[in-house]
Amino acid sequence: MPIAPALIDYPLRLPPGLPRVMLLSIVNLLPGTLSAELAGPVLRVHVLDSLSDVMLELETLETHVARISGVTLATSRGD
């Protein structure tokens, strides 16, 4: 099975607190992903297939977590 592992930085739009913790936990449940580090407003994710559209998947997941948590996403990344 060909893989293209990488560490990617995803700028978060979720506010600090429980919604971010929820996102980090869910990312760990997705196949081929692992939350490696949270440094301020940036989530570093280890992925097994960097050729897939991981950023879009993370953005979609973040939107769902915001909706479930009842929070508003920041309008710009990394706030």
Foldseek 3Di string as FASTA:
>chain_A
DDWDKDKDKAFFQDDDDDLVVVLQVVQCVDPQWHQDDDDQRITIIIGGHPVDPVNVVSVVSSVVSCVVVVHDGHPDGND
